[in-house]
Amino acid sequence: QVQLVESGGGLVQPGGSLRLSCATSGSIFSIVAMGWYRQPLGKQREFVATISWSVGSTFYADSVKGRFTISRDNAKNTLYLQMNSLKPEDTAVYYCKAMSREKDYWGQGTQVTVSS
């Protein structure tokens, strides 16, 4: 079992920045990759970014390229999402995802609201 706890969400102004964190615990040795997904109100959950846990290779959705950066601290077993130049359309519940060889795990989500 893997447990994920997100933090760092909140209300920010357009053009502002926010950093999300996802702390992992449990059988984290099985994790091969992690990622961030988001679900705007009334819409389906969508991919944001992923990173391999060992190598650190990254992949981003076109909508966030150049603005968001996914990273991980293996020593702290923590995933991050640095969000810059935030737009109102970035408003969503952001979910942390851990991927093992057999199953996926999800965090509880954290609300990000971009509004003036």
PDB file of N, CA and C in Angstrom:
ATOM      1  N   GLN A   1       0.824  -1.195   0.000  1.00  0.00           N
ATOM      2  CA  GLN A   1       0.000   0.000   0.000  1.00  0.00           C
ATOM      3  C   GLN A   1       0.864   1.252   0.000  1.00  0.00           C
ATOM      4  N   VAL A   2       0.396   2.253  -0.718  1.00  0.00           N
ATOM      5  CA  VAL A   2       1.062   3.546  -0.792  1.00  0.00           C
ATOM      6  C   VAL A   2       0.062   4.616  -0.394  1.00  0.00           C
ATOM      7  N   GLN A   3       0.488   5.516   0.478  1.00  0.00           N
ATOM      8  CA  GLN A   3      -0.344   6.634   0.881  1.00  0.00           C
ATOM      9  C   GLN A   3       0.246   7.934   0.348  1.00  0.00           C
ATOM     10  N   LEU A   4      -0.620   8.804  -0.153  1.00  0.00           N
ATOM     11  CA  LEU A   4      -0.206  10.070  -0.733  1.00  0.00           C
ATOM     12  C   LEU A   4      -0.971  11.203  -0.059  1.00  0.00           C
ATOM     13  N   VAL A   5      -0.266  12.248   0.313  1.00  0.00           N
ATOM     14  CA  VAL A   5      -0.885  13.404   0.952  1.00  0.00           C
ATOM     15  C   VAL A   5      -0.413  14.665   0.256  1.00  0.00           C
ATOM     16  N   GLU A   6      -1.343  15.360  -0.398  1.00  0.00           N
ATOM     17  CA  GLU A   6      -1.021  16.607  -1.084  1.00  0.00           C
ATOM     18  C   GLU A   6      -1.136  17.786  -0.125  1.00  0.00           C
ATOM     19  N   SER A   7      -0.391  18.834  -0.429  1.00  0.00           N
ATOM     20  CA  SER A   7      -0.480  20.081   0.310  1.00  0.00           C
ATOM     21  C   SER A   7      -0.023  21.217  -0.590  1.00  0.00           C
ATOM     22  N   GLY A   8      -0.314  22.444  -0.190  1.00  0.00           N
ATOM     23  CA  GLY A   8       0.142  23.613  -0.916  1.00  0.00           C
ATOM     24  C   GLY A   8      -0.906  24.302  -1.753  1.00  0.00           C
ATOM     25  N   GLY A   9      -2.089  23.735  -1.855  1.00  0.00           N
ATOM     26  CA  GLY A   9      -3.142  24.365  -2.621  1.00  0.00           C
ATOM     27  C   GLY A   9      -3.678  25.599  -1.925  1.00  0.00           C
ATOM     28  N   GLY A  10      -4.438  26.390  -2.671  1.00  0.00           N
ATOM     29  CA  GLY A  10      -5.011  27.597  -2.113  1.00  0.00           C
ATOM     30  C   GLY A  10      -5.458  28.559  -3.182  1.00  0.00           C
ATOM     31  N   LEU A  11      -5.709  29.793  -2.772  1.00  0.00           N
ATOM     32  CA  LEU A  11      -6.153  30.857  -3.664  1.00  0.00           C
ATOM     33  C   LEU A  11      -4.975  31.741  -4.044  1.00  0.00           C
ATOM     34  N   VAL A  12      -4.771  31.919  -5.345  1.00  0.00           N
ATOM     35  CA  VAL A  12      -3.691  32.768  -5.846  1.00  0.00           C
ATOM     36  C   VAL A  12      -4.224  33.682  -6.938  1.00  0.00           C
ATOM     37  N   GLN A  13      -3.517  34.784  -7.174  1.00  0.00           N
ATOM     38  CA  GLN A  13      -3.897  35.730  -8.210  1.00  0.00           C
ATOM     39  C   GLN A  13      -3.389  35.283  -9.573  1.00  0.00           C
ATOM     40  N   PRO A  14      -4.073  35.661 -10.650  1.00  0.00           N
ATOM     41  CA  PRO A  14      -3.545  35.371 -11.986  1.00  0.00           C
ATOM     42  C   PRO A  14      -2.131  35.921 -12.137  1.00  0.00           C
ATOM     43  N   GLY A  15      -1.262  35.116 -12.745  1.00  0.00           N
ATOM     44  CA  GLY A  15       0.130  35.486 -12.884  1.00  0.00           C
ATOM     45  C   GLY A  15       0.995  35.104 -11.703  1.00  0.00           C
ATOM     46  N   GLY A  16       0.377  34.652 -10.643  1.00  0.00           N
ATOM     47  CA  GLY A  16       1.103  34.266  -9.453  1.00  0.00           C
ATOM     48  C   GLY A  16       1.662  32.865  -9.530  1.00  0.00           C
ATOM     49  N   SER A  17       2.273  32.439  -8.442  1.00  0.00           N
ATOM     50  CA  SER A  17       2.918  31.133  -8.373  1.00  0.00           C
ATOM     51  C   SER A  17       2.440  30.362  -7.156  1.00  0.00           C
ATOM     52  N   LEU A  18       2.553  29.052  -7.256  1.00  0.00           N
ATOM     53  CA  LEU A  18       2.164  28.164  -6.177  1.00  0.00           C
ATOM     54  C   LEU A  18       2.947  26.875  -6.326  1.00  0.00           C
ATOM     55  N   ARG A  19       3.344  26.288  -5.208  1.00  0.00           N
ATOM     56  CA  ARG A  19       4.034  25.004  -5.241  1.00  0.00           C
ATOM     57  C   ARG A  19       3.244  23.964  -4.470  1.00  0.00           C
ATOM     58  N   LEU A  20       2.899  22.889  -5.156  1.00  0.00           N
ATOM     59  CA  LEU A  20       2.208  21.774  -4.539  1.00  0.00           C
ATOM     60  C   LEU A  20       3.211  20.708  -4.126  1.00  0.00           C
ATOM     61  N   SER A  21       2.923  20.036  -3.027  1.00  0.00           N
ATOM     62  CA  SER A  21       3.754  18.946  -2.546  1.00  0.00           C
ATOM     63  C   SER A  21       2.906  17.700  -2.378  1.00  0.00           C
ATOM     64  N   CYS A  22       3.530  16.556  -2.568  1.00  0.00           N
ATOM     65  CA  CYS A  22       2.876  15.272  -2.361  1.00  0.00           C
ATOM     66  C   CYS A  22       3.825  14.377  -1.594  1.00  0.00           C
ATOM     67  N   ALA A  23       3.519  14.142  -0.333  1.00  0.00           N
ATOM     68  CA  ALA A  23       4.337  13.284   0.506  1.00  0.00           C
ATOM     69  C   ALA A  23       3.875  11.840   0.381  1.00  0.00           C
ATOM     70  N   THR A  24       4.823  10.927   0.202  1.00  0.00           N
ATOM     71  CA  THR A  24       4.503   9.513   0.045  1.00  0.00           C
ATOM     72  C   THR A  24       4.916   8.725   1.274  1.00  0.00           C
ATOM     73  N   SER A  25       4.193   7.653   1.535  1.00  0.00           N
ATOM     74  CA  SER A  25       4.527   6.747   2.621  1.00  0.00           C
ATOM     75  C   SER A  25       3.994   5.364   2.289  1.00  0.00           C
ATOM     76  N   GLY A  26       4.420   4.361   3.051  1.00  0.00           N
ATOM     77  CA  GLY A  26       4.008   2.994   2.802  1.00  0.00           C
ATOM     78  C   GLY A  26       5.035   2.253   1.973  1.00  0.00           C
ATOM     79  N   SER A  27       4.559   1.424   1.065  1.00  0.00           N
ATOM     80  CA  SER A  27       5.427   0.593   0.231  1.00  0.00           C
ATOM     81  C   SER A  27       5.943   1.372  -0.965  1.00  0.00           C
ATOM     82  N   ILE A  28       6.674   2.436  -0.686  1.00  0.00           N
ATOM     83  CA  ILE A  28       7.110   3.337  -1.753  1.00  0.00           C
ATOM     84  C   ILE A  28       8.206   2.732  -2.622  1.00  0.00           C
ATOM     85  N   PHE A  29       8.775   1.623  -2.198  1.00  0.00           N
ATOM     86  CA  PHE A  29       9.794   0.968  -3.013  1.00  0.00           C
ATOM     87  C   PHE A  29       9.231   0.487  -4.338  1.00  0.00           C
ATOM     88  N   SER A  30       7.922   0.308  -4.395  1.00  0.00           N
ATOM     89  CA  SER A  30       7.273  -0.197  -5.595  1.00  0.00           C
ATOM     90  C   SER A  30       6.963   0.890  -6.620  1.00  0.00           C
ATOM     91  N   ILE A  31       7.133   2.147  -6.264  1.00  0.00           N
ATOM     92  CA  ILE A  31       6.792   3.250  -7.158  1.00  0.00           C
ATOM     93  C   ILE A  31       7.833   3.376  -8.272  1.00  0.00           C
ATOM     94  N   VAL A  32       7.363   3.447  -9.492  1.00  0.00           N
ATOM     95  CA  VAL A  32       8.253   3.618 -10.636  1.00  0.00           C
ATOM     96  C   VAL A  32       8.105   4.987 -11.275  1.00  0.00           C
ATOM     97  N   ALA A  33       6.968   5.629 -11.056  1.00  0.00           N
ATOM     98  CA  ALA A  33       6.742   6.958 -11.601  1.00  0.00           C
ATOM     99  C   ALA A  33       5.651   7.648 -10.797  1.00  0.00           C
ATOM    100  N   MET A  34       5.631   8.967 -10.846  1.00  0.00           N
ATOM    101  CA  MET A  34       4.589   9.733 -10.185  1.00  0.00           C
ATOM    102  C   MET A  34       4.133  10.853 -11.102  1.00  0.00           C
ATOM    103  N   GLY A  35       2.967  11.388 -10.802  1.00  0.00           N
ATOM    104  CA  GLY A  35       2.460  12.443 -11.649  1.00  0.00           C
ATOM    105  C   GLY A  35       1.419  13.304 -10.960  1.00  0.00           C
ATOM    106  N   TRP A  36       1.061  14.366 -11.648  1.00  0.00           N
ATOM    107  CA  TRP A  36      -0.002  15.264 -11.212  1.00  0.00           C
ATOM    108  C   TRP A  36      -1.117  15.273 -12.239  1.00  0.00           C
ATOM    109  N   TYR A  37      -2.344  15.202 -11.757  1.00  0.00           N
ATOM    110  CA  TYR A  37      -3.535  15.321 -12.570  1.00  0.00           C
ATOM    111  C   TYR A  37      -4.421  16.390 -11.953  1.00  0.00           C
ATOM    112  N   ARG A  38      -5.329  16.923 -12.736  1.00  0.00           N
ATOM    113  CA  ARG A  38      -6.236  17.932 -12.197  1.00  0.00           C
ATOM    114  C   ARG A  38      -7.629  17.735 -12.757  1.00  0.00           C
ATOM    115  N   GLN A  39      -8.607  18.186 -12.005  1.00  0.00           N
ATOM    116  CA  GLN A  39      -9.999  18.050 -12.399  1.00  0.00           C
ATOM    117  C   GLN A  39     -10.719  19.370 -12.148  1.00  0.00           C
ATOM    118  N   PRO A  40     -10.919  20.163 -13.207  1.00  0.00           N
ATOM    119  CA  PRO A  40     -11.713  21.384 -13.058  1.00  0.00           C
ATOM    120  C   PRO A  40     -13.155  21.038 -12.725  1.00  0.00           C
ATOM    121  N   LEU A  41     -13.856  21.963 -12.103  1.00  0.00           N
ATOM    122  CA  LEU A  41     -15.242  21.738 -11.732  1.00  0.00           C
ATOM    123  C   LEU A  41     -16.075  21.416 -12.964  1.00  0.00           C
ATOM    124  N   GLY A  42     -16.798  20.310 -12.920  1.00  0.00           N
ATOM    125  CA  GLY A  42     -17.663  19.920 -14.010  1.00  0.00           C
ATOM    126  C   GLY A  42     -16.971  19.266 -15.184  1.00  0.00           C
ATOM    127  N   LYS A  43     -15.672  19.010 -15.079  1.00  0.00           N
ATOM    128  CA  LYS A  43     -14.920  18.399 -16.167  1.00  0.00           C
ATOM    129  C   LYS A  43     -14.243  17.113 -15.700  1.00  0.00           C
ATOM    130  N   GLN A  44     -13.760  16.340 -16.658  1.00  0.00           N
ATOM    131  CA  GLN A  44     -13.066  15.100 -16.351  1.00  0.00           C
ATOM    132  C   GLN A  44     -11.645  15.374 -15.869  1.00  0.00           C
ATOM    133  N   ARG A  45     -11.108  14.425 -15.124  1.00  0.00           N
ATOM    134  CA  ARG A  45      -9.740  14.532 -14.665  1.00  0.00           C
ATOM    135  C   ARG A  45      -8.794  14.480 -15.859  1.00  0.00           C
ATOM    136  N   GLU A  46      -7.780  15.343 -15.857  1.00  0.00           N
ATOM    137  CA  GLU A  46      -6.864  15.435 -16.970  1.00  0.00           C
ATOM    138  C   GLU A  46      -5.414  15.377 -16.507  1.00  0.00           C
ATOM    139  N   PHE A  47      -4.570  14.902 -17.396  1.00  0.00           N
ATOM    140  CA  PHE A  47      -3.150  14.776 -17.132  1.00  0.00           C
ATOM    141  C   PHE A  47      -2.477  16.138 -17.082  1.00  0.00           C
ATOM    142  N   VAL A  48      -1.544  16.306 -16.147  1.00  0.00           N
ATOM    143  CA  VAL A  48      -0.760  17.529 -16.039  1.00  0.00           C
ATOM    144  C   VAL A  48       0.717  17.258 -16.315  1.00  0.00           C
ATOM    145  N   ALA A  49       1.319  16.344 -15.549  1.00  0.00           N
ATOM    146  CA  ALA A  49       2.743  16.071 -15.694  1.00  0.00           C
ATOM    147  C   ALA A  49       3.095  14.764 -15.009  1.00  0.00           C
ATOM    148  N   THR A  50       4.151  14.107 -15.484  1.00  0.00           N
ATOM    149  CA  THR A  50       4.664  12.899 -14.854  1.00  0.00           C
ATOM    150  C   THR A  50       6.179  12.965 -14.761  1.00  0.00           C
ATOM    151  N   ILE A  51       6.727  12.162 -13.867  1.00  0.00           N
ATOM    152  CA  ILE A  51       8.166  12.068 -13.703  1.00  0.00           C
ATOM    153  C   ILE A  51       8.511  10.650 -13.263  1.00  0.00           C
ATOM    154  N   SER A  52       9.553  10.078 -13.850  1.00  0.00           N
ATOM    155  CA  SER A  52      10.021   8.776 -13.395  1.00  0.00           C
ATOM    156  C   SER A  52      10.741   8.954 -12.072  1.00  0.00           C
ATOM    157  N   TRP A  53      10.524   8.025 -11.143  1.00  0.00           N
ATOM    158  CA  TRP A  53      11.050   8.206  -9.798  1.00  0.00           C
ATOM    159  C   TRP A  53      12.552   8.036  -9.711  1.00  0.00           C
ATOM    160  N   SER A  54      13.111   7.189 -10.551  1.00  0.00           N
ATOM    161  CA  SER A  54      14.548   6.929 -10.509  1.00  0.00           C
ATOM    162  C   SER A  54      15.344   7.848 -11.421  1.00  0.00           C
ATOM    163  N   VAL A  55      14.982   7.885 -12.690  1.00  0.00           N
ATOM    164  CA  VAL A  55      15.738   8.656 -13.674  1.00  0.00           C
ATOM    165  C   VAL A  55      15.383  10.141 -13.621  1.00  0.00           C
ATOM    166  N   GLY A  56      14.112  10.446 -13.395  1.00  0.00           N
ATOM    167  CA  GLY A  56      13.689  11.830 -13.324  1.00  0.00           C
ATOM    168  C   GLY A  56      13.239  12.426 -14.642  1.00  0.00           C
ATOM    169  N   SER A  57      13.023  11.607 -15.648  1.00  0.00           N
ATOM    170  CA  SER A  57      12.526  12.108 -16.924  1.00  0.00           C
ATOM    171  C   SER A  57      11.104  12.621 -16.748  1.00  0.00           C
ATOM    172  N   THR A  58      10.777  13.703 -17.450  1.00  0.00           N
ATOM    173  CA  THR A  58       9.493  14.369 -17.260  1.00  0.00           C
ATOM    174  C   THR A  58       8.699  14.458 -18.549  1.00  0.00           C
ATOM    175  N   PHE A  59       7.396  14.625 -18.387  1.00  0.00           N
ATOM    176  CA  PHE A  59       6.493  14.791 -19.509  1.00  0.00           C
ATOM    177  C   PHE A  59       5.356  15.694 -19.059  1.00  0.00           C
ATOM    178  N   TYR A  60       4.978  16.665 -19.911  1.00  0.00           N
ATOM    179  CA  TYR A  60       3.989  17.662 -19.550  1.00  0.00           C
ATOM    180  C   TYR A  60       2.850  17.731 -20.551  1.00  0.00           C
ATOM    181  N   ALA A  61       1.684  18.089 -20.048  1.00  0.00           N
ATOM    182  CA  ALA A  61       0.580  18.423 -20.928  1.00  0.00           C
ATOM    183  C   ALA A  61       0.891  19.736 -21.639  1.00  0.00           C
ATOM    184  N   ASP A  62       0.408  19.875 -22.863  1.00  0.00           N
ATOM    185  CA  ASP A  62       0.682  21.082 -23.633  1.00  0.00           C
ATOM    186  C   ASP A  62       0.195  22.342 -22.919  1.00  0.00           C
ATOM    187  N   SER A  63      -0.876  22.232 -22.172  1.00  0.00           N
ATOM    188  CA  SER A  63      -1.479  23.385 -21.527  1.00  0.00           C
ATOM    189  C   SER A  63      -0.623  23.994 -20.423  1.00  0.00           C
ATOM    190  N   VAL A  64       0.357  23.230 -19.912  1.00  0.00           N
ATOM    191  CA  VAL A  64       1.168  23.726 -18.803  1.00  0.00           C
ATOM    192  C   VAL A  64       2.644  23.831 -19.142  1.00  0.00           C
ATOM    193  N   LYS A  65       3.042  23.437 -20.326  1.00  0.00           N
ATOM    194  CA  LYS A  65       4.445  23.507 -20.724  1.00  0.00           C
ATOM    195  C   LYS A  65       4.969  24.936 -20.629  1.00  0.00           C
ATOM    196  N   GLY A  66       6.147  25.081 -20.048  1.00  0.00           N
ATOM    197  CA  GLY A  66       6.757  26.385 -19.885  1.00  0.00           C
ATOM    198  C   GLY A  66       6.312  27.126 -18.655  1.00  0.00           C
ATOM    199  N   ARG A  67       5.271  26.647 -17.983  1.00  0.00           N
ATOM    200  CA  ARG A  67       4.759  27.302 -16.784  1.00  0.00           C
ATOM    201  C   ARG A  67       4.882  26.434 -15.537  1.00  0.00           C
ATOM    202  N   PHE A  68       4.682  25.135 -15.694  1.00  0.00           N
ATOM    203  CA  PHE A  68       4.733  24.210 -14.567  1.00  0.00           C
ATOM    204  C   PHE A  68       6.009  23.380 -14.636  1.00  0.00           C
ATOM    205  N   THR A  69       6.517  23.002 -13.476  1.00  0.00           N
ATOM    206  CA  THR A  69       7.680  22.134 -13.387  1.00  0.00           C
ATOM    207  C   THR A  69       7.425  21.047 -12.359  1.00  0.00           C
ATOM    208  N   ILE A  70       7.524  19.792 -12.783  1.00  0.00           N
ATOM    209  CA  ILE A  70       7.388  18.675 -11.866  1.00  0.00           C
ATOM    210  C   ILE A  70       8.781  18.227 -11.435  1.00  0.00           C
ATOM    211  N   SER A  71       8.917  17.900 -10.173  1.00  0.00           N
ATOM    212  CA  SER A  71      10.201  17.455  -9.653  1.00  0.00           C
ATOM    213  C   SER A  71       9.970  16.518  -8.485  1.00  0.00           C
ATOM    214  N   ARG A  72      11.026  15.851  -8.077  1.00  0.00           N
ATOM    215  CA  ARG A  72      10.918  14.954  -6.929  1.00  0.00           C
ATOM    216  C   ARG A  72      12.179  15.002  -6.097  1.00  0.00           C
ATOM    217  N   ASP A  73      12.023  14.792  -4.810  1.00  0.00           N
ATOM    218  CA  ASP A  73      13.122  14.672  -3.874  1.00  0.00           C
ATOM    219  C   ASP A  73      13.081  13.251  -3.345  1.00  0.00           C
ATOM    220  N   ASN A  74      13.923  12.389  -3.897  1.00  0.00           N
ATOM    221  CA  ASN A  74      13.900  10.982  -3.525  1.00  0.00           C
ATOM    222  C   ASN A  74      14.236  10.769  -2.049  1.00  0.00           C
ATOM    223  N   ALA A  75      15.126  11.592  -1.511  1.00  0.00           N
ATOM    224  CA  ALA A  75      15.501  11.466  -0.109  1.00  0.00           C
ATOM    225  C   ALA A  75      14.326  11.756   0.812  1.00  0.00           C
ATOM    226  N   LYS A  76      13.466  12.684   0.419  1.00  0.00           N
ATOM    227  CA  LYS A  76      12.300  13.043   1.217  1.00  0.00           C
ATOM    228  C   LYS A  76      11.037  12.313   0.779  1.00  0.00           C
ATOM    229  N   ASN A  77      11.152  11.509  -0.275  1.00  0.00           N
ATOM    230  CA  ASN A  77      10.001  10.776  -0.816  1.00  0.00           C
ATOM    231  C   ASN A  77       8.834  11.717  -1.109  1.00  0.00           C
ATOM    232  N   THR A  78       9.153  12.834  -1.727  1.00  0.00           N
ATOM    233  CA  THR A  78       8.168  13.873  -1.958  1.00  0.00           C
ATOM    234  C   THR A  78       8.168  14.326  -3.414  1.00  0.00           C
ATOM    235  N   LEU A  79       6.984  14.506  -3.951  1.00  0.00           N
ATOM    236  CA  LEU A  79       6.775  15.004  -5.299  1.00  0.00           C
ATOM    237  C   LEU A  79       6.340  16.459  -5.231  1.00  0.00           C
ATOM    238  N   TYR A  80       6.786  17.271  -6.192  1.00  0.00           N
ATOM    239  CA  TYR A  80       6.445  18.683  -6.220  1.00  0.00           C
ATOM    240  C   TYR A  80       5.895  19.080  -7.580  1.00  0.00           C
ATOM    241  N   LEU A  81       5.090  20.124  -7.569  1.00  0.00           N
ATOM    242  CA  LEU A  81       4.648  20.764  -8.792  1.00  0.00           C
ATOM    243  C   LEU A  81       4.761  22.268  -8.594  1.00  0.00           C
ATOM    244  N   GLN A  82       5.751  22.873  -9.230  1.00  0.00           N
ATOM    245  CA  GLN A  82       5.915  24.317  -9.191  1.00  0.00           C
ATOM    246  C   GLN A  82       5.081  24.921 -10.305  1.00  0.00           C
ATOM    247  N   MET A  83       4.145  25.771  -9.956  1.00  0.00           N
ATOM    248  CA  MET A  83       3.225  26.368 -10.914  1.00  0.00           C
ATOM    249  C   MET A  83       3.474  27.867 -10.969  1.00  0.00           C
ATOM    250  N   ASN A  84       3.880  28.356 -12.133  1.00  0.00           N
ATOM    251  CA  ASN A  84       4.127  29.772 -12.351  1.00  0.00           C
ATOM    252  C   ASN A  84       3.180  30.310 -13.416  1.00  0.00           C
ATOM    253  N   SER A  85       3.073  31.635 -13.477  1.00  0.00           N
ATOM    254  CA  SER A  85       2.211  32.291 -14.463  1.00  0.00           C
ATOM    255  C   SER A  85       0.821  31.676 -14.479  1.00  0.00           C
ATOM    256  N   LEU A  86       0.254  31.520 -13.317  1.00  0.00           N
ATOM    257  CA  LEU A  86      -1.032  30.840 -13.191  1.00  0.00           C
ATOM    258  C   LEU A  86      -2.153  31.621 -13.863  1.00  0.00           C
ATOM    259  N   LYS A  87      -3.065  30.874 -14.458  1.00  0.00           N
ATOM    260  CA  LYS A  87      -4.208  31.421 -15.162  1.00  0.00           C
ATOM    261  C   LYS A  87      -5.495  30.936 -14.504  1.00  0.00           C
ATOM    262  N   PRO A  88      -6.590  31.667 -14.667  1.00  0.00           N
ATOM    263  CA  PRO A  88      -7.860  31.199 -14.102  1.00  0.00           C
ATOM    264  C   PRO A  88      -8.234  29.795 -14.562  1.00  0.00           C
ATOM    265  N   GLU A  89      -7.873  29.426 -15.784  1.00  0.00           N
ATOM    266  CA  GLU A  89      -8.191  28.100 -16.287  1.00  0.00           C
ATOM    267  C   GLU A  89      -7.386  26.990 -15.626  1.00  0.00           C
ATOM    268  N   ASP A  90      -6.394  27.347 -14.804  1.00  0.00           N
ATOM    269  CA  ASP A  90      -5.674  26.356 -14.024  1.00  0.00           C
ATOM    270  C   ASP A  90      -6.442  25.944 -12.774  1.00  0.00           C
ATOM    271  N   THR A  91      -7.527  26.634 -12.484  1.00  0.00           N
ATOM    272  CA  THR A  91      -8.335  26.322 -11.316  1.00  0.00           C
ATOM    273  C   THR A  91      -8.875  24.901 -11.404  1.00  0.00           C
ATOM    274  N   ALA A  92      -8.596  24.107 -10.387  1.00  0.00           N
ATOM    275  CA  ALA A  92      -9.006  22.705 -10.377  1.00  0.00           C
ATOM    276  C   ALA A  92      -8.602  22.071  -9.061  1.00  0.00           C
ATOM    277  N   VAL A  93      -9.095  20.870  -8.840  1.00  0.00           N
ATOM    278  CA  VAL A  93      -8.573  20.030  -7.775  1.00  0.00           C
ATOM    279  C   VAL A  93      -7.399  19.263  -8.353  1.00  0.00           C
ATOM    280  N   TYR A  94      -6.251  19.377  -7.731  1.00  0.00           N
ATOM    281  CA  TYR A  94      -5.041  18.723  -8.205  1.00  0.00           C
ATOM    282  C   TYR A  94      -4.782  17.457  -7.407  1.00  0.00           C
ATOM    283  N   TYR A  95      -4.521  16.367  -8.124  1.00  0.00           N
ATOM    284  CA  TYR A  95      -4.326  15.063  -7.514  1.00  0.00           C
ATOM    285  C   TYR A  95      -2.919  14.541  -7.774  1.00  0.00           C
ATOM    286  N   CYS A  96      -2.323  13.989  -6.763  1.00  0.00           N
ATOM    287  CA  CYS A  96      -1.049  13.308  -6.868  1.00  0.00           C
ATOM    288  C   CYS A  96      -1.292  11.837  -7.193  1.00  0.00           C
ATOM    289  N   LYS A  97      -0.484  11.278  -8.087  1.00  0.00           N
ATOM    290  CA  LYS A  97      -0.629   9.886  -8.506  1.00  0.00           C
ATOM    291  C   LYS A  97       0.707   9.171  -8.422  1.00  0.00           C
ATOM    292  N   ALA A  98       0.691   7.991  -7.831  1.00  0.00           N
ATOM    293  CA  ALA A  98       1.859   7.128  -7.794  1.00  0.00           C
ATOM    294  C   ALA A  98       1.578   5.879  -8.606  1.00  0.00           C
ATOM    295  N   MET A  99       2.528   5.495  -9.440  1.00  0.00           N
ATOM    296  CA  MET A  99       2.354   4.348 -10.320  1.00  0.00           C
ATOM    297  C   MET A  99       3.353   3.263  -9.974  1.00  0.00           C
ATOM    298  N   SER A 100       2.837   2.093  -9.628  1.00  0.00           N
ATOM    299  CA  SER A 100       3.666   0.929  -9.400  1.00  0.00           C
ATOM    300  C   SER A 100       3.544   0.002 -10.595  1.00  0.00           C
ATOM    301  N   ARG A 101       4.207  -1.137 -10.539  1.00  0.00           N
ATOM    302  CA  ARG A 101       4.144  -2.090 -11.643  1.00  0.00           C
ATOM    303  C   ARG A 101       2.799  -2.793 -11.736  1.00  0.00           C
ATOM    304  N   GLU A 102       2.007  -2.758 -10.656  1.00  0.00           N
ATOM    305  CA  GLU A 102       0.753  -3.482 -10.622  1.00  0.00           C
ATOM    306  C   GLU A 102      -0.486  -2.611 -10.485  1.00  0.00           C
ATOM    307  N   LYS A 103      -0.366  -1.455  -9.844  1.00  0.00           N
ATOM    308  CA  LYS A 103      -1.531  -0.621  -9.628  1.00  0.00           C
ATOM    309  C   LYS A 103      -1.142   0.837  -9.433  1.00  0.00           C
ATOM    310  N   ASP A 104      -2.135   1.699  -9.494  1.00  0.00           N
ATOM    311  CA  ASP A 104      -1.948   3.126  -9.284  1.00  0.00           C
ATOM    312  C   ASP A 104      -2.560   3.549  -7.955  1.00  0.00           C
ATOM    313  N   TYR A 105      -2.000   4.592  -7.369  1.00  0.00           N
ATOM    314  CA  TYR A 105      -2.491   5.151  -6.117  1.00  0.00           C
ATOM    315  C   TYR A 105      -2.755   6.635  -6.309  1.00  0.00           C
ATOM    316  N   TRP A 106      -3.782   7.132  -5.618  1.00  0.00           N
ATOM    317  CA  TRP A 106      -4.169   8.530  -5.727  1.00  0.00           C
ATOM    318  C   TRP A 106      -4.231   9.200  -4.365  1.00  0.00           C
ATOM    319  N   GLY A 107      -3.858  10.468  -4.330  1.00  0.00           N
ATOM    320  CA  GLY A 107      -4.033  11.262  -3.135  1.00  0.00           C
ATOM    321  C   GLY A 107      -5.455  11.779  -3.042  1.00  0.00           C
ATOM    322  N   GLN A 108      -5.733  12.539  -1.991  1.00  0.00           N
ATOM    323  CA  GLN A 108      -7.087  13.034  -1.754  1.00  0.00           C
ATOM    324  C   GLN A 108      -7.415  14.284  -2.563  1.00  0.00           C
ATOM    325  N   GLY A 109      -6.407  14.918  -3.108  1.00  0.00           N
ATOM    326  CA  GLY A 109      -6.594  16.116  -3.902  1.00  0.00           C
ATOM    327  C   GLY A 109      -6.459  17.382  -3.083  1.00  0.00           C
ATOM    328  N   THR A 110      -6.036  18.450  -3.743  1.00  0.00           N
ATOM    329  CA  THR A 110      -5.937  19.758  -3.109  1.00  0.00           C
ATOM    330  C   THR A 110      -6.445  20.817  -4.078  1.00  0.00           C
ATOM    331  N   GLN A 111      -7.253  21.731  -3.570  1.00  0.00           N
ATOM    332  CA  GLN A 111      -7.894  22.738  -4.414  1.00  0.00           C
ATOM    333  C   GLN A 111      -6.933  23.873  -4.738  1.00  0.00           C
ATOM    334  N   VAL A 112      -6.850  24.201  -6.021  1.00  0.00           N
ATOM    335  CA  VAL A 112      -6.111  25.367  -6.489  1.00  0.00           C
ATOM    336  C   VAL A 112      -7.098  26.291  -7.186  1.00  0.00           C
ATOM    337  N   THR A 113      -7.196  27.511  -6.700  1.00  0.00           N
ATOM    338  CA  THR A 113      -8.093  28.494  -7.288  1.00  0.00           C
ATOM    339  C   THR A 113      -7.288  29.714  -7.713  1.00  0.00           C
ATOM    340  N   VAL A 114      -7.380  30.067  -8.985  1.00  0.00           N
ATOM    341  CA  VAL A 114      -6.674  31.225  -9.535  1.00  0.00           C
ATOM    342  C   VAL A 114      -7.715  32.277  -9.871  1.00  0.00           C
ATOM    343  N   SER A 115      -7.727  33.352  -9.105  1.00  0.00           N
ATOM    344  CA  SER A 115      -8.739  34.378  -9.273  1.00  0.00           C
ATOM    345  C   SER A 115      -8.265  35.687  -8.662  1.00  0.00           C
ATOM    346  N   SER A 116      -8.712  36.782  -9.243  1.00  0.00           N
ATOM    347  CA  SER A 116      -8.429  38.095  -8.694  1.00  0.00           C
ATOM    348  C   SER A 116      -9.541  38.565  -7.775  1.00  0.00           C
TER     349      SER A 116
END
